[in-house]
Amino acid sequence: MPEMKRGKRKPARKVKSDGYAKKPVIRREREEPDMPPVPRGPRSRGEQTNPTRPHPAEGPRPNPSEGPADDRRSVVFKSYTPLDTSRLSNVKIPVDPCGAASENGVVAMNGNVYLAVSADDGASFKYFDPTTIFPAFAGGILGDQQIVYVPQIDRFVWCMLHGPVAATGDGAFRIAFASSPDVKTKPKSAWSYVDFVASDIGVKGADFDQPHLTYSNRNLIIAVDADGKGRVVMRIPLTDLLGGQVSWDFTAPLTISGNTYQFSAPCGGQPDGAYMAGHVNTSTMRVFALLDGSTSYGFHDVGVWKWSDSDDYSSKTPSGVDWCGRCRSRVSGATWQNGALWFSWMAPRSKSGEAPFFPEPQTRVVSISSFSFTKISEMQVWNPKYAFGYSALAVNSNLEIGIAVAWGGPNDEADVAVGILGDYVVWYRDGSTATVDDPSGSKNGRWGDFLRTHRSNRGGNNFDGFGYFTVKDSSGKLIQSPYHVRYGRT
């Protein structure tokens, strides 16, 4: 089994209490390349589960015959707060919201490129420019931000992608961390930080993209794409985030069949290690496993129901925008449920004559045993009228699996909904009235890159979700409005 490599220790530095001068947010010089078609798999197509319906949260409950399934209680929004987009700093499209909430009622939310902090459990937010919180680093802040809250150590942890170092070409990212009381009372000056470049994790000269941030029982886990090399997984002991020195270890770049962008989001839900998955072919997943306390990692191939070889991920909204064609099959949702690994990804629409038949791209969900690495269950989030993609998964204290998922189709602009798997209903509040297309006018969607949902630390049977909807203002400008929602059973 491959062995982890160790990096040198770095000191954690503290931000200045009076902040820093505002800095420009740089323009990304390249976009991550599209994934090639996933190779054809040999297995059967399996069963088609019940269709899923987006439903307004403020509307009447669905008829029993339409969901929720069985005798499950409906999902309700315990709170819902859109951010004031006029106060977001350096806001870029896509806004790519991410966030987390602590036990003491702090909600921290970030995206491209802003920070919003609530001290009253999400009822109201204050707004900050990340470029004035931290000093300049490498090529400057780009976007692709992630934030999580780690209850074991009472720390918010924030990952910020930066442009490469000019002299070396090394990609760069910054990890910042702060206690929830400090974020509540002094959100600008609460943070300590450590900076990393590509040479720190064995990929000298590689640019970075798509960082994902989560934590296990013992480690902070960062997974990042190293351009042209593969995906690198890095671990920092959680206890190091309480002191002045940070150590880390890291994998070699991970690939599947030469495709550097197959492995994606590592499992949340406080697992016993780092787990990720990618596609070997359209009916086989490869699971990466790195247990806490181990210095070696392994891979396990698991058979799933075959999905279509059509490679057609397109779905146009009433605006004529193909909002989800660039989402493709990357594993976007990943969580841990007492030894079960849950993964979700978008699969293409079916070819004519295929059975079961999916008229629109759909989200596939599979659970896999982390002990035997065999499939436990499988389902689809699908509907003949909508595509579903960009999914995120989480588990609550009742061991229910929450989902945040984007949806849209010929009669509906792209939007976000949340729910609990198995209900076959997902819920939204503000309906989108437009869909963002590519700035070139190609009608290829630049809807977004990711969503987030987590178990709520303010009542573990609830979830915190972070999504966005799109509207046109009075001047005709398209605005993506990020929001925080707390949802759960009635």
Protein backbone atom coordinates (compact mmCIF):
# COMPACT_ATOMS: atom_id res chain seq x y z
CA MET A 1 0.00 0.00 0.00
CA PRO A 2 1.29 3.51 -0.77
CA GLU A 3 2.73 5.45 2.14
CA MET A 4 2.04 9.04 3.18
CA LYS A 5 4.83 11.59 2.95
CA ARG A 6 5.52 14.10 5.70
CA GLY A 7 5.94 17.83 5.36
CA LYS A 8 7.96 20.16 7.54
CA ARG A 9 6.24 21.94 10.43
CA LYS A 10 5.09 25.50 9.86
CA PRO A 11 4.33 28.22 12.41
CA ALA A 12 0.78 29.53 12.56
CA ARG A 13 0.67 33.31 12.19
CA LYS A 14 -1.95 35.69 13.57
CA VAL A 15 -3.65 38.37 11.48
CA LYS A 16 -3.17 42.00 12.45
CA SER A 17 -5.94 43.43 14.59
CA ASP A 18 -6.29 46.50 12.38
CA GLY A 19 -6.46 44.47 9.16
CA TYR A 20 -4.80 45.15 5.79
CA ALA A 21 -5.30 47.35 2.77
CA LYS A 22 -7.85 46.15 0.25
CA LYS A 23 -6.31 44.05 -2.53
CA PRO A 24 -7.65 43.11 -5.97
CA VAL A 25 -9.10 39.66 -6.54
CA ILE A 26 -7.20 38.22 -9.46
CA ARG A 27 -8.75 36.74 -12.55
CA ARG A 28 -8.21 33.03 -13.05
CA GLU A 29 -6.09 32.51 -16.13
CA ARG A 30 -7.37 29.01 -16.79
CA GLU A 31 -10.41 26.91 -16.05
CA GLU A 32 -10.27 23.29 -14.99
CA PRO A 33 -10.57 21.18 -18.16
CA ASP A 34 -13.74 19.25 -18.84
CA MET A 35 -13.67 15.64 -17.77
CA PRO A 36 -13.54 13.20 -20.66
CA PRO A 37 -16.33 10.62 -21.02
CA VAL A 38 -16.27 7.93 -18.34
CA PRO A 39 -15.42 4.54 -19.90
CA ARG A 40 -18.27 2.10 -20.45
CA GLY A 41 -19.00 -0.29 -17.62
CA PRO A 42 -20.10 -3.93 -17.92
CA ARG A 43 -22.85 -4.30 -15.31
CA SER A 44 -26.67 -4.08 -15.46
CA ARG A 45 -28.56 -0.80 -15.21
CA GLY A 46 -30.44 -1.82 -12.04
CA GLU A 47 -33.72 -0.40 -10.80
CA GLN A 48 -35.27 3.03 -11.20
CA THR A 49 -36.31 4.54 -7.87
CA ASN A 50 -39.20 6.97 -7.39
CA PRO A 51 -38.94 10.40 -9.06
CA THR A 52 -38.07 13.39 -6.88
CA ARG A 53 -40.03 16.65 -6.94
CA PRO A 54 -38.81 20.16 -6.04
CA HIS A 55 -41.49 21.82 -3.87
CA PRO A 56 -41.83 25.36 -2.45
CA ALA A 57 -41.15 25.33 1.30
CA GLU A 58 -43.82 27.98 1.94
CA GLY A 59 -46.47 26.21 -0.13
CA PRO A 60 -48.96 23.53 0.91
CA ARG A 61 -47.57 20.12 1.75
CA PRO A 62 -47.50 17.59 -1.11
CA ASN A 63 -50.30 15.08 -1.42
CA PRO A 64 -49.51 11.81 0.36
CA SER A 65 -49.43 10.04 -2.99
CA GLU A 66 -46.70 12.42 -4.20
CA GLY A 67 -44.43 12.35 -1.14
CA PRO A 68 -42.92 12.35 1.35
CA ALA A 69 -42.54 8.58 1.10
CA ASP A 70 -44.10 6.21 3.67
CA ASP A 71 -45.08 8.00 6.91
CA ARG A 72 -42.11 10.34 7.10
CA ARG A 73 -42.81 13.82 8.41
CA SER A 74 -42.32 16.76 6.07
CA VAL A 75 -39.14 18.77 6.00
CA VAL A 76 -39.47 22.40 7.11
CA PHE A 77 -37.16 25.41 7.07
CA LYS A 78 -36.34 26.34 10.68
CA SER A 79 -34.65 29.51 9.41
CA TYR A 80 -33.81 30.99 6.02
CA THR A 81 -31.70 34.11 5.36
CA PRO A 82 -30.51 35.32 1.95
CA LEU A 83 -27.41 37.51 2.08
CA ASP A 84 -27.54 41.15 1.05
CA THR A 85 -25.74 40.92 -2.30
CA SER A 86 -25.11 44.68 -2.37
CA ARG A 87 -22.80 44.23 0.64
CA LEU A 88 -20.77 41.26 -0.62
CA SER A 89 -17.16 42.16 -1.35
CA ASN A 90 -15.64 41.25 -4.72
CA VAL A 91 -18.65 39.10 -5.56
CA LYS A 92 -17.98 36.88 -8.55
CA ILE A 93 -20.14 34.53 -10.58
CA PRO A 94 -20.53 31.83 -9.52
CA VAL A 95 -20.97 32.86 -5.88
CA ASP A 96 -20.29 29.23 -4.75
CA PRO A 97 -21.57 29.52 -1.17
CA CYS A 98 -20.09 27.48 1.63
CA GLY A 99 -20.51 27.78 5.37
CA ALA A 100 -20.85 26.22 8.79
CA ALA A 101 -22.50 26.88 12.15
CA SER A 102 -21.24 26.40 15.71
CA GLU A 103 -22.97 25.41 18.94
CA ASN A 104 -23.01 29.00 20.22
CA GLY A 105 -25.05 30.40 17.33
CA VAL A 106 -22.30 31.64 15.01
CA VAL A 107 -22.80 31.08 11.28
CA ALA A 108 -19.82 31.80 9.03
CA MET A 109 -20.46 31.82 5.30
CA ASN A 110 -18.10 32.48 2.41
CA GLY A 111 -17.81 32.23 -1.35
CA ASN A 112 -16.35 34.00 -4.40
CA VAL A 113 -15.01 36.23 -2.77
CA TYR A 114 -16.69 37.28 0.48
CA LEU A 115 -17.17 36.46 4.16
CA ALA A 116 -20.47 36.87 6.02
CA VAL A 117 -20.76 36.21 9.76
CA SER A 118 -23.88 35.90 11.89
CA ALA A 119 -23.75 36.10 15.69
CA ASP A 120 -27.48 35.43 16.09
CA ASP A 121 -27.86 31.96 14.58
CA GLY A 122 -28.30 33.14 11.01
CA ALA A 123 -30.99 35.78 11.61
CA SER A 124 -28.70 38.59 10.38
CA PHE A 125 -25.21 38.86 8.91
CA LYS A 126 -22.26 41.25 8.88
CA TYR A 127 -20.09 41.40 5.76
CA PHE A 128 -16.32 41.40 5.31
CA ASP A 129 -13.74 41.56 2.52
CA PRO A 130 -11.27 38.64 2.91
CA THR A 131 -8.54 40.66 1.20
CA THR A 132 -8.60 43.11 4.15
CA ILE A 133 -8.50 40.33 6.79
CA PHE A 134 -5.29 38.64 5.61
CA PRO A 135 -1.96 39.81 4.19
CA ALA A 136 -1.02 39.29 0.55
CA PHE A 137 0.09 35.79 -0.39
CA ALA A 138 1.41 34.16 -3.59
CA GLY A 139 -0.50 35.35 -6.68
CA GLY A 140 -3.44 36.73 -4.69
CA ILE A 141 -6.79 35.29 -3.65
CA LEU A 142 -8.75 33.67 -6.47
CA GLY A 143 -11.88 32.16 -5.00
CA ASP A 144 -12.84 28.51 -4.43
CA GLN A 145 -13.23 29.03 -0.69
CA GLN A 146 -14.40 26.43 1.81
CA ILE A 147 -15.27 26.74 5.49
CA VAL A 148 -16.15 24.09 8.07
CA TYR A 149 -16.75 24.07 11.81
CA VAL A 150 -14.95 21.36 13.82
CA PRO A 151 -16.87 20.77 17.08
CA GLN A 152 -14.14 18.61 18.68
CA ILE A 153 -11.85 21.64 18.94
CA ASP A 154 -14.39 24.50 18.59
CA ARG A 155 -12.72 25.90 15.49
CA PHE A 156 -13.95 27.36 12.25
CA VAL A 157 -11.46 26.37 9.54
CA TRP A 158 -11.29 28.31 6.27
CA CYS A 159 -9.47 27.29 3.07
CA MET A 160 -8.73 29.98 0.45
CA LEU A 161 -7.35 29.21 -3.01
CA HIS A 162 -4.69 31.65 -4.28
CA GLY A 163 -3.01 32.21 -7.59
CA PRO A 164 0.40 30.60 -8.15
CA VAL A 165 3.67 32.04 -6.92
CA ALA A 166 5.09 34.06 -9.82
CA ALA A 167 8.70 32.95 -9.36
CA THR A 168 8.05 29.19 -9.17
CA GLY A 169 4.60 28.52 -10.68
CA ASP A 170 3.62 26.78 -7.42
CA GLY A 171 -0.11 26.80 -6.78
CA ALA A 172 -1.08 28.11 -3.35
CA PHE A 173 -3.78 27.96 -0.69
CA ARG A 174 -4.20 29.36 2.81
CA ILE A 175 -5.70 27.57 5.83
CA ALA A 176 -7.11 29.89 8.52
CA PHE A 177 -8.71 28.92 11.82
CA ALA A 178 -10.42 30.62 14.77
CA SER A 179 -12.58 29.73 17.77
CA SER A 180 -16.31 30.37 17.58
CA PRO A 181 -16.30 32.92 20.49
CA ASP A 182 -13.59 34.89 18.67
CA VAL A 183 -15.42 34.75 15.34
CA LYS A 184 -18.55 35.92 17.15
CA THR A 185 -16.96 38.95 18.82
CA LYS A 186 -14.13 39.92 16.46
CA PRO A 187 -14.72 38.26 13.06
CA LYS A 188 -11.94 40.21 11.29
CA SER A 189 -9.11 39.70 13.77
CA ALA A 190 -10.00 36.22 15.08
CA TRP A 191 -7.92 34.27 12.59
CA SER A 192 -4.61 32.45 12.66
CA TYR A 193 -3.33 31.08 9.35
CA VAL A 194 -0.79 28.85 7.62
CA ASP A 195 0.15 29.15 3.95
CA PHE A 196 0.90 26.22 1.63
CA VAL A 197 2.35 26.00 -1.87
CA ALA A 198 2.62 23.11 -4.29
CA SER A 199 6.18 22.25 -3.24
CA ASP A 200 4.91 21.62 0.31
CA ILE A 201 2.89 18.62 -0.92
CA GLY A 202 5.25 17.18 -3.51
CA VAL A 203 3.84 18.71 -6.70
CA LYS A 204 6.31 21.52 -7.41
CA GLY A 205 5.21 23.85 -10.18
CA ALA A 206 1.58 22.62 -10.27
CA ASP A 207 -1.32 25.03 -10.14
CA PHE A 208 -4.25 24.20 -7.83
CA ASP A 209 -8.01 23.98 -8.29
CA GLN A 210 -11.13 22.65 -6.54
CA PRO A 211 -9.93 22.40 -2.92
CA HIS A 212 -12.27 20.46 -0.63
CA LEU A 213 -12.16 20.75 3.14
CA THR A 214 -13.53 18.39 5.80
CA TYR A 215 -12.43 16.65 9.01
CA SER A 216 -12.30 13.18 10.52
CA ASN A 217 -12.16 12.16 14.18
CA ARG A 218 -8.54 13.24 14.39
CA ASN A 219 -7.51 15.22 11.31
CA LEU A 220 -8.34 18.15 9.13
CA ILE A 221 -8.50 16.84 5.55
CA ILE A 222 -7.76 18.91 2.46
CA ALA A 223 -8.12 17.42 -1.04
CA VAL A 224 -6.91 19.59 -3.92
CA ASP A 225 -6.39 19.12 -7.66
CA ALA A 226 -2.79 19.62 -8.78
CA ASP A 227 -3.02 20.59 -12.43
CA GLY A 228 -1.69 17.89 -14.74
CA LYS A 229 -0.72 15.55 -11.91
CA GLY A 230 -3.78 14.36 -9.94
CA ARG A 231 -5.59 14.94 -6.68
CA VAL A 232 -3.56 15.25 -3.48
CA VAL A 233 -4.97 14.50 -0.02
CA MET A 234 -3.38 16.30 2.90
CA ARG A 235 -3.93 15.81 6.66
CA ILE A 236 -3.33 18.20 9.58
CA PRO A 237 -3.86 16.89 13.13
CA LEU A 238 -6.80 18.75 14.70
CA THR A 239 -4.79 19.34 17.86
CA ASP A 240 -2.26 21.34 15.82
CA LEU A 241 -4.99 23.91 15.14
CA LEU A 242 -4.99 24.72 18.86
CA GLY A 243 -1.28 25.55 19.02
CA GLY A 244 1.38 27.56 17.29
CA GLN A 245 2.89 24.88 15.00
CA VAL A 246 1.19 22.91 12.22
CA SER A 247 2.39 19.58 10.83
CA TRP A 248 0.98 17.64 7.90
CA ASP A 249 1.33 14.58 5.74
CA PHE A 250 0.15 14.03 2.17
CA THR A 251 -0.43 11.47 -0.56
CA ALA A 252 1.13 11.19 -3.97
CA PRO A 253 -1.17 12.63 -6.70
CA LEU A 254 -4.15 10.29 -7.12
CA THR A 255 -5.52 9.41 -10.55
CA ILE A 256 -7.83 6.88 -12.19
CA SER A 257 -6.92 5.66 -15.66
CA GLY A 258 -4.83 8.75 -16.27
CA ASN A 259 -7.69 11.18 -15.54
CA THR A 260 -6.40 13.71 -13.03
CA TYR A 261 -9.87 14.92 -11.99
CA GLN A 262 -11.70 11.72 -11.08
CA PHE A 263 -11.41 11.70 -7.29
CA SER A 264 -13.34 14.48 -5.64
CA ALA A 265 -14.97 15.45 -2.34
CA PRO A 266 -13.77 13.60 0.79
CA CYS A 267 -16.44 12.29 3.18
CA GLY A 268 -17.76 14.61 5.86
CA GLY A 269 -19.73 13.44 8.87
CA GLN A 270 -16.67 12.93 11.13
CA PRO A 271 -15.50 9.56 9.73
CA ASP A 272 -12.65 7.45 11.07
CA GLY A 273 -10.38 8.59 8.24
CA ALA A 274 -10.30 10.14 4.80
CA TYR A 275 -12.50 8.56 2.11
CA MET A 276 -13.05 9.66 -1.49
CA ALA A 277 -14.46 8.03 -4.61
CA GLY A 278 -14.13 8.32 -8.37
CA HIS A 279 -15.31 6.43 -11.45
CA VAL A 280 -13.38 3.61 -13.08
CA ASN A 281 -16.21 3.23 -15.58
CA THR A 282 -19.98 3.73 -15.73
CA SER A 283 -20.60 0.81 -13.38
CA THR A 284 -17.53 0.73 -11.12
CA MET A 285 -16.42 3.18 -8.43
CA ARG A 286 -12.96 3.29 -6.89
CA VAL A 287 -12.89 4.21 -3.20
CA PHE A 288 -9.79 5.78 -1.64
CA ALA A 289 -9.35 4.98 2.09
CA LEU A 290 -6.86 6.50 4.54
CA LEU A 291 -7.63 5.64 8.18
CA ASP A 292 -6.81 7.93 11.06
CA GLY A 293 -3.59 6.72 12.66
CA SER A 294 -2.42 4.96 9.50
CA THR A 295 0.43 6.15 7.32
CA SER A 296 -0.65 4.08 4.30
CA TYR A 297 -3.71 4.26 2.07
CA GLY A 298 -5.51 1.91 -0.29
CA PHE A 299 -8.10 1.63 -3.07
CA HIS A 300 -11.19 -0.56 -3.41
CA ASP A 301 -13.31 -1.09 -6.55
CA VAL A 302 -17.07 -1.35 -5.97
CA GLY A 303 -19.73 -2.28 -8.52
CA VAL A 304 -22.74 0.04 -8.93
CA TRP A 305 -25.72 0.10 -11.28
CA LYS A 306 -24.60 1.05 -14.76
CA TRP A 307 -25.52 4.53 -15.96
CA SER A 308 -25.86 5.72 -19.54
CA ASP A 309 -22.87 5.99 -21.89
CA SER A 310 -24.56 8.90 -23.70
CA ASP A 311 -22.20 11.52 -22.16
CA ASP A 312 -25.09 14.02 -22.52
CA TYR A 313 -25.23 16.17 -19.38
CA SER A 314 -27.05 19.09 -21.00
CA SER A 315 -30.29 20.62 -19.75
CA LYS A 316 -31.57 23.96 -21.02
CA THR A 317 -33.72 26.31 -18.95
CA PRO A 318 -36.38 28.74 -20.30
CA SER A 319 -33.49 31.23 -20.74
CA GLY A 320 -31.96 28.87 -23.28
CA VAL A 321 -28.95 28.26 -20.99
CA ASP A 322 -27.43 24.80 -20.61
CA TRP A 323 -27.00 25.23 -16.87
CA CYS A 324 -25.53 21.83 -15.92
CA GLY A 325 -23.54 20.60 -18.92
CA ARG A 326 -20.22 21.39 -17.21
CA CYS A 327 -21.16 19.56 -13.98
CA ARG A 328 -20.58 16.12 -15.47
CA SER A 329 -19.90 13.02 -13.37
CA ARG A 330 -17.49 14.22 -10.72
CA VAL A 331 -18.38 12.91 -7.24
CA SER A 332 -19.67 16.03 -5.46
CA GLY A 333 -21.47 14.61 -2.41
CA ALA A 334 -19.72 12.48 0.22
CA THR A 335 -20.56 11.70 3.83
CA TRP A 336 -20.08 9.05 6.52
CA GLN A 337 -22.96 7.32 8.35
CA ASN A 338 -21.68 4.98 11.09
CA GLY A 339 -19.48 2.94 8.77
CA ALA A 340 -21.46 3.54 5.57
CA LEU A 341 -19.89 5.78 2.93
CA TRP A 342 -22.39 7.80 0.88
CA PHE A 343 -21.39 9.26 -2.49
CA SER A 344 -23.40 11.22 -5.08
CA TRP A 345 -22.68 12.41 -8.61
CA MET A 346 -24.46 13.53 -11.77
CA ALA A 347 -25.10 10.97 -14.51
CA PRO A 348 -26.09 11.82 -18.10
CA ARG A 349 -29.52 11.51 -19.67
CA SER A 350 -30.36 8.13 -21.20
CA LYS A 351 -30.01 7.19 -24.82
CA SER A 352 -33.15 6.30 -26.73
CA GLY A 353 -34.24 2.75 -25.93
CA GLU A 354 -32.29 2.40 -22.68
CA ALA A 355 -34.11 0.96 -19.69
CA PRO A 356 -34.58 2.28 -17.14
CA PHE A 357 -34.94 5.57 -19.01
CA PHE A 358 -33.90 8.97 -17.62
CA PRO A 359 -35.05 11.85 -19.89
CA GLU A 360 -32.85 14.40 -18.03
CA PRO A 361 -29.46 14.16 -16.29
CA GLN A 362 -29.90 12.82 -12.79
CA THR A 363 -28.03 12.55 -9.49
CA ARG A 364 -26.95 9.05 -8.47
CA VAL A 365 -26.50 8.11 -4.82
CA VAL A 366 -24.78 4.99 -3.49
CA SER A 367 -23.90 3.79 0.02
CA ILE A 368 -20.87 1.51 0.49
CA SER A 369 -19.62 -0.35 3.56
CA SER A 370 -16.30 1.05 4.81
CA PHE A 371 -15.52 -2.39 6.27
CA SER A 372 -16.17 -4.75 3.35
CA PHE A 373 -16.22 -2.13 0.54
CA THR A 374 -19.37 -3.62 -0.93
CA LYS A 375 -22.48 -1.73 -2.01
CA ILE A 376 -25.25 -1.38 0.58
CA SER A 377 -27.89 0.57 -1.36
CA GLU A 378 -28.40 2.75 -4.40
CA MET A 379 -30.97 5.28 -5.65
CA GLN A 380 -31.40 8.17 -8.09
CA VAL A 381 -32.62 11.73 -7.61
CA TRP A 382 -34.39 12.24 -10.91
CA ASN A 383 -37.50 13.60 -12.59
CA PRO A 384 -38.60 13.56 -16.25
CA LYS A 385 -39.01 17.38 -16.12
CA TYR A 386 -35.77 18.43 -14.38
CA ALA A 387 -32.07 17.74 -14.18
CA PHE A 388 -30.45 17.37 -10.74
CA GLY A 389 -26.75 18.01 -10.14
CA TYR A 390 -24.00 19.59 -8.02
CA SER A 391 -25.23 17.60 -5.01
CA ALA A 392 -23.88 17.71 -1.44
CA LEU A 393 -24.63 15.18 1.32
CA ALA A 394 -24.58 15.22 5.13
CA VAL A 395 -25.77 13.02 8.01
CA ASN A 396 -27.65 14.18 11.12
CA SER A 397 -27.95 12.73 14.64
CA ASN A 398 -30.91 10.59 13.52
CA LEU A 399 -28.65 9.08 10.83
CA GLU A 400 -30.78 10.64 8.10
CA ILE A 401 -28.96 11.71 4.94
CA GLY A 402 -29.55 15.33 4.02
CA ILE A 403 -29.03 16.56 0.47
CA ALA A 404 -28.55 19.96 -1.13
CA VAL A 405 -29.00 19.73 -4.89
CA ALA A 406 -29.29 22.05 -7.88
CA TRP A 407 -32.22 21.54 -10.21
CA GLY A 408 -33.64 23.06 -13.37
CA GLY A 409 -35.08 22.15 -16.74
CA PRO A 410 -37.09 23.24 -19.76
CA ASN A 411 -39.75 24.93 -17.61
CA ASP A 412 -37.65 26.04 -14.62
CA GLU A 413 -34.57 28.23 -14.21
CA ALA A 414 -31.69 26.64 -12.28
CA ASP A 415 -32.19 26.74 -8.50
CA VAL A 416 -31.22 24.92 -5.29
CA ALA A 417 -33.34 22.72 -3.04
CA VAL A 418 -32.66 20.73 0.14
CA GLY A 419 -34.24 17.67 1.68
CA ILE A 420 -33.73 14.24 3.17
CA LEU A 421 -33.00 11.22 0.99
CA GLY A 422 -35.84 8.74 0.72
CA ASP A 423 -38.60 11.37 0.84
CA TYR A 424 -38.51 11.95 -2.95
CA VAL A 425 -39.26 15.63 -2.30
CA VAL A 426 -36.72 18.47 -2.06
CA TRP A 427 -37.65 21.95 -0.85
CA TYR A 428 -36.78 25.50 -1.90
CA ARG A 429 -37.84 29.00 -0.86
CA ASP A 430 -36.97 31.59 -3.54
CA GLY A 431 -37.46 30.46 -7.10
CA SER A 432 -34.89 31.55 -9.68
CA THR A 433 -36.17 33.80 -12.45
CA ALA A 434 -33.04 33.57 -14.62
CA THR A 435 -29.98 31.41 -15.20
CA VAL A 436 -26.45 32.77 -15.62
CA ASP A 437 -24.76 31.90 -18.90
CA ASP A 438 -21.14 32.10 -19.95
CA PRO A 439 -19.84 35.71 -20.22
CA SER A 440 -18.99 35.00 -23.86
CA GLY A 441 -22.68 34.62 -24.59
CA SER A 442 -22.31 30.98 -25.62
CA LYS A 443 -25.33 29.94 -23.48
CA ASN A 444 -23.10 27.43 -21.71
CA GLY A 445 -24.04 27.79 -18.06
CA ARG A 446 -21.72 29.31 -15.49
CA TRP A 447 -24.26 28.44 -12.85
CA GLY A 448 -21.77 27.26 -10.23
CA ASP A 449 -19.28 24.72 -8.97
CA PHE A 450 -20.60 23.40 -5.65
CA LEU A 451 -23.16 23.53 -2.84
CA ARG A 452 -22.79 22.61 0.83
CA THR A 453 -24.84 21.07 3.62
CA HIS A 454 -23.76 19.92 7.09
CA ARG A 455 -25.24 18.46 10.25
CA SER A 456 -26.37 21.37 12.37
CA ASN A 457 -24.58 21.92 15.65
CA ARG A 458 -27.69 23.74 16.89
CA GLY A 459 -29.83 20.62 17.20
CA GLY A 460 -28.11 17.65 15.63
CA ASN A 461 -31.31 16.36 13.99
CA ASN A 462 -31.27 19.44 11.72
CA PHE A 463 -29.05 20.42 8.80
CA ASP A 464 -27.43 23.70 7.77
CA GLY A 465 -27.52 24.31 4.03
CA PHE A 466 -25.84 26.89 1.81
CA GLY A 467 -27.30 27.54 -1.64
CA TYR A 468 -28.26 30.33 -4.01
CA PHE A 469 -30.91 31.46 -6.46
CA THR A 470 -30.65 33.74 -9.52
CA VAL A 471 -32.74 36.81 -10.36
CA LYS A 472 -32.57 39.85 -12.63
CA ASP A 473 -32.48 43.29 -10.99
CA SER A 474 -34.29 46.34 -12.33
CA SER A 475 -31.45 47.07 -14.75
CA GLY A 476 -31.48 43.54 -16.14
CA LYS A 477 -28.29 42.47 -14.36
CA LEU A 478 -28.16 38.82 -13.30
CA ILE A 479 -27.59 38.36 -9.56
CA GLN A 480 -26.86 35.10 -7.75
CA SER A 481 -28.15 35.42 -4.19
CA PRO A 482 -26.52 33.08 -1.64
CA TYR A 483 -28.41 32.05 1.51
CA HIS A 484 -28.20 30.04 4.72
CA VAL A 485 -31.03 27.65 5.56
CA ARG A 486 -31.58 25.39 8.57
CA TYR A 487 -33.88 22.51 7.75
CA GLY A 488 -35.13 19.29 9.29
CA ARG A 489 -38.20 17.29 10.20
CA THR A 490 -41.25 18.99 11.70
